Protein backbone atom coordinates (compact mmCIF):
# COMPACT_ATOMS: atom_id res chain seq x y z
CA MET A 1 0.15 -0.13 -0.09
CA THR A 2 1.49 3.47 -1.58
CA GLU A 3 2.13 5.64 1.94
CA LEU A 4 0.04 8.43 2.18
CA ILE A 5 2.00 11.96 1.52
CA SER A 6 2.30 13.76 5.06
CA HIS A 7 2.74 17.40 3.90
CA ILE A 8 -0.43 19.47 5.41
CA LYS A 9 -0.34 21.55 8.83
CA GLN A 10 -3.29 19.84 10.83
CA ASN A 11 -5.57 21.03 13.28
CA PRO A 12 -6.65 18.75 15.90
CA ILE A 13 -9.71 16.92 14.48
CA SER A 14 -8.52 16.58 11.59
CA LYS A 15 -5.06 15.12 12.79
CA LYS A 16 -7.10 12.55 14.66
CA VAL A 17 -8.74 11.59 11.43
CA MET A 18 -5.79 11.51 9.40
CA ASP A 19 -4.00 9.42 11.82
CA SER A 20 -6.84 7.13 12.02
CA MET A 21 -6.84 7.15 8.22
CA ARG A 22 -3.37 6.03 8.14
CA LYS A 23 -3.46 3.17 10.74
CA ALA A 24 -6.41 1.61 8.96
CA LEU A 25 -4.16 1.47 5.45
CA ASN A 26 -1.03 0.91 6.76
CA GLY A 27 -3.05 -2.17 8.43
CA ILE A 28 -3.92 -3.55 4.99
CA ASN A 29 -1.21 -6.01 4.13
CA ILE A 30 -1.92 -6.83 0.32
CA ASP A 31 -0.17 -10.06 0.46
CA SER A 32 -2.23 -11.71 3.01
CA ASN A 33 -4.49 -14.30 2.58
CA ASN A 34 -6.65 -13.34 5.51
CA ILE A 35 -8.20 -10.50 3.45
CA ASP A 36 -12.01 -9.85 4.43
CA PHE A 37 -13.29 -9.85 0.51
CA THR A 38 -16.76 -9.60 1.51
CA SER A 39 -15.98 -5.88 3.54
CA LEU A 40 -14.01 -4.70 0.47
CA ASN A 41 -16.66 -5.55 -2.10
CA ARG A 42 -19.26 -3.54 0.38
CA ALA A 43 -16.99 -0.67 0.17
CA HIS A 44 -16.62 -1.19 -3.35
CA ASP A 45 -19.87 -1.21 -4.01
CA ARG A 46 -20.70 1.82 -1.81
CA ALA A 47 -18.08 3.51 -3.31
CA ASN A 48 -19.42 3.04 -6.51
CA LYS A 49 -23.04 4.14 -5.39
CA LEU A 50 -21.62 7.25 -4.30
CA ASP A 51 -19.81 8.14 -7.01
CA ASP A 52 -23.43 7.41 -9.02
CA CYS A 53 -24.49 10.47 -6.96
CA ILE A 54 -22.29 13.14 -8.57
CA VAL A 55 -23.51 15.41 -12.09
CA LYS A 56 -21.98 13.89 -14.84
CA VAL A 57 -20.07 16.00 -17.03
CA GLU A 58 -22.67 15.88 -19.94
CA GLU A 59 -25.14 17.07 -17.71
CA LEU A 60 -22.50 20.34 -16.75
CA SER A 61 -22.00 21.24 -19.92
CA GLU A 62 -26.00 22.72 -19.79
CA TYR A 63 -24.94 24.97 -16.91
CA ASP A 64 -22.71 28.41 -17.13
CA PRO A 65 -19.20 27.21 -16.50
CA LEU A 66 -18.72 28.77 -13.29
CA HIS A 67 -21.77 27.57 -11.97
CA GLY A 68 -20.85 24.48 -13.56
CA ILE A 69 -17.81 23.82 -11.31
CA PHE A 70 -19.73 24.40 -7.93
CA ILE A 71 -22.66 22.33 -8.51
CA TYR A 72 -19.81 19.34 -9.20
CA GLY A 73 -17.61 20.99 -5.77
CA GLN A 74 -21.14 20.53 -3.91
CA ASN A 75 -21.67 17.09 -5.02
CA LYS A 76 -17.91 15.74 -4.02
CA MET A 77 -18.49 18.32 -1.08
CA SER A 78 -22.24 16.06 0.09
CA VAL A 79 -20.28 12.65 -0.74
CA PHE A 80 -17.14 13.63 2.02
CA VAL A 81 -19.65 14.89 4.35
CA GLU A 82 -21.99 11.52 4.07
CA LEU A 83 -18.36 9.41 4.70
CA LEU A 84 -16.77 12.38 7.16
CA SER A 85 -19.40 11.98 9.24
CA GLU A 86 -19.71 8.15 9.92
CA LEU A 87 -16.58 8.97 12.47
CA GLN A 88 -16.15 8.74 15.80
CA GLU A 89 -13.50 11.47 15.74
CA LEU A 90 -16.46 13.92 14.53
CA SER A 91 -19.18 13.04 16.56
CA GLU A 92 -19.58 16.68 17.93
CA LEU A 93 -19.56 18.54 14.18
CA THR A 94 -22.20 15.76 13.11
CA ASP A 95 -24.33 15.87 16.26
CA ALA A 96 -24.55 19.56 15.99
CA PHE A 97 -25.54 19.12 12.04
CA SER A 98 -28.04 16.70 12.74
CA LYS A 99 -29.64 18.84 15.81
CA ALA A 100 -29.76 21.83 13.57
CA GLU A 101 -31.46 19.66 10.66
CA GLU A 102 -33.84 18.37 12.82
CA GLU A 103 -34.46 22.14 14.48
CA TYR A 104 -35.07 24.17 10.94
CA MET A 105 -36.12 21.19 8.77
CA PRO A 106 -34.14 22.59 5.78
CA SER A 107 -36.91 22.82 2.89
CA TYR A 108 -38.32 26.53 1.46
CA PRO A 109 -39.99 29.07 3.18
CA PRO A 110 -43.26 29.15 4.65
CA MET A 111 -42.26 25.23 5.33
CA SER A 112 -39.01 26.37 7.24
CA PRO A 113 -36.93 29.27 7.41
CA LEU A 114 -34.25 27.45 5.59
CA THR A 115 -33.76 26.99 1.95
CA GLU A 116 -31.89 23.74 1.16
CA SER A 117 -29.27 25.81 -0.82
CA TYR A 118 -28.57 27.91 2.31
CA PHE A 119 -28.92 24.75 4.73
CA SER A 120 -26.19 22.96 2.81
CA PHE A 121 -23.61 25.44 1.95
CA TRP A 122 -23.84 26.27 5.62
CA ALA A 123 -23.65 22.76 7.05
CA SER A 124 -20.56 21.74 4.75
CA LEU A 125 -18.58 25.65 5.75
CA ASP A 126 -20.05 27.29 8.26
CA LEU A 127 -20.86 24.84 10.97
CA CYS A 128 -17.60 24.56 12.66
CA ILE A 129 -16.10 23.31 16.10
CA GLY A 130 -13.31 23.61 18.17
CA LYS A 131 -10.93 26.56 19.03
CA SER A 132 -9.61 25.89 15.14
CA LYS A 133 -12.84 26.43 13.11
CA GLU A 134 -12.80 22.85 11.86
CA SER A 135 -15.43 22.13 9.34
CA PHE A 136 -16.77 19.35 7.26
CA ALA A 137 -15.01 21.28 4.31
CA THR A 138 -11.85 21.53 6.47
CA LEU A 139 -11.74 18.46 6.82
CA ALA A 140 -12.59 17.22 3.45
CA ILE A 141 -9.58 19.62 1.81
CA ASP A 142 -7.36 17.70 4.45
CA CYS A 143 -8.77 14.41 3.58
CA CYS A 144 -7.65 15.02 -0.18
CA LYS A 145 -4.36 16.58 0.27
CA GLU A 146 -3.66 13.85 2.63
CA LEU A 147 -4.20 11.30 0.05
CA GLY A 148 -2.93 13.43 -3.03
CA ALA A 149 -6.26 14.12 -4.69
CA ASP A 150 -6.84 16.25 -7.79
CA ASN A 151 -4.94 19.99 -7.45
CA GLN A 152 -8.42 20.83 -8.89
CA LEU A 153 -10.97 19.48 -6.77
CA ILE A 154 -8.78 20.57 -3.57
CA GLU A 155 -8.88 24.50 -5.14
CA ILE A 156 -13.00 23.83 -5.71
CA PHE A 157 -13.08 22.91 -2.22
CA GLU A 158 -10.67 26.10 -1.28
CA ASN A 159 -13.02 28.82 -2.91
CA MET A 160 -16.13 26.81 -1.59
CA GLN A 161 -14.91 27.34 1.71
CA LYS A 162 -13.55 30.87 1.70
CA SER A 163 -17.20 31.67 0.59
CA ARG A 164 -19.36 33.46 3.00
CA MET A 165 -23.54 34.43 3.47
CA GLY A 166 -23.19 38.53 2.41
CA LEU A 167 -25.85 41.34 2.24
CA TYR A 168 -25.69 42.66 -1.79
CA ILE A 169 -27.61 45.97 -3.11
CA CYS A 170 -28.65 45.33 -6.58
CA GLU A 171 -27.58 48.20 -8.98
CA GLY A 172 -28.80 46.60 -12.64
CA LEU A 173 -28.17 44.12 -14.86
CA TYR A 174 -25.72 43.93 -17.82
CA GLU A 175 -26.40 40.52 -20.12
CA LYS A 176 -26.99 37.28 -18.13
CA TYR A 177 -25.40 39.09 -14.99
CA THR A 178 -26.41 41.10 -11.77
CA LEU A 179 -24.49 44.25 -10.69
CA PHE A 180 -24.34 44.19 -6.97
CA ARG A 181 -22.68 46.13 -4.56
CA GLU A 182 -21.73 44.27 -1.04
CA LEU A 183 -23.60 46.44 1.74
CA ILE A 184 -20.65 46.36 4.39
CA THR A 185 -17.31 46.56 1.87
CA GLN A 186 -18.97 48.34 -0.98
CA LYS A 187 -17.01 46.08 -2.94
CA LYS A 188 -18.93 45.87 -6.41
CA GLU A 189 -19.74 42.28 -7.72
CA LYS A 190 -20.21 40.59 -11.41
CA VAL A 191 -23.17 37.78 -10.49
CA ILE A 192 -24.63 34.70 -12.21
CA ILE A 193 -28.30 34.23 -9.90
CA THR A 194 -28.43 30.47 -10.38
CA SER A 195 -31.90 30.15 -8.82
CA GLY A 196 -33.43 31.96 -12.05
CA PHE A 197 -34.59 34.45 -9.69
CA VAL A 198 -34.21 38.52 -11.75
CA ALA A 199 -32.91 41.27 -8.73
CA LYS A 200 -34.72 44.64 -9.40
CA PRO A 201 -32.55 47.80 -9.15
CA GLY A 202 -32.04 48.58 -5.11
CA VAL A 203 -33.50 45.42 -3.95
CA LEU A 204 -31.56 44.05 -0.94
CA ILE A 205 -30.13 40.15 -1.61
CA PHE A 206 -28.95 37.79 1.44
CA GLY A 207 -26.85 35.16 -0.60
CA ARG A 208 -23.67 33.02 -0.93
CA LEU A 209 -20.98 33.73 -3.69
CA CYS A 210 -18.62 31.82 -4.78
CA PHE A 211 -15.34 33.15 -6.67
CA ASP A 212 -13.06 31.14 -9.02
CA LYS A 213 -9.97 33.60 -9.82
CA ARG A 214 -10.11 32.64 -13.82
CA PHE A 215 -13.69 34.20 -13.99
CA ASP A 216 -14.46 37.55 -14.25
CA TYR A 217 -17.46 37.34 -12.52
CA SER A 218 -18.74 35.42 -9.22
CA VAL A 219 -22.13 32.93 -8.55
CA MET A 220 -25.33 32.97 -6.02
CA VAL A 221 -24.85 29.48 -5.05
CA THR A 222 -28.20 30.01 -2.58
CA THR A 223 -31.31 30.45 -3.24
CA PRO A 224 -31.35 34.71 -2.74
CA TYR A 225 -33.12 35.50 0.00
CA VAL A 226 -34.98 39.28 -0.62
């Protein structure tokens, strides 16, 4: 078994997860006659089922390129959240997630004050524990780096982790973009709104923007709150 690469500065919970991962992988002897092939086959089948949940490339071609990047990123992140939530080391984070989901029952107003898109990004990126503020996203990024995952996926996760909710005033429309000015920083943004909502000048919006340095605009990945 190829040794894992240790090249990241790990936070407390991340270090526990990585240590457990190394022990599990180093404990597998590929020459052993005692491998539990039934367990391996179950793990393989589950991996295939999770992979089937990831949006396909041909489907992404139907979306704006930047939007497609973050659809893919959120799909991949949801798989990591599902897998990481089963680890004992993350029980505090998982419990916080479960309690929030039970209390707010995210769907869409008026059934719930939280839309599914808001809750999904919040749970992955903003919900954090410990002095180091570790989240499912920071742990997923650490796992990817430790395992030598594709750098582009890591970059997508890092861009998602850098995003945040913000208050934006609509200043007009330009082609397919909505022109926003952030209320606090006064920074102006050219934005794709993915929900189809058309903002009118002067409207105040609460939403999450995701960026990629290769694009001169951003994408609002959550359903806008007006």
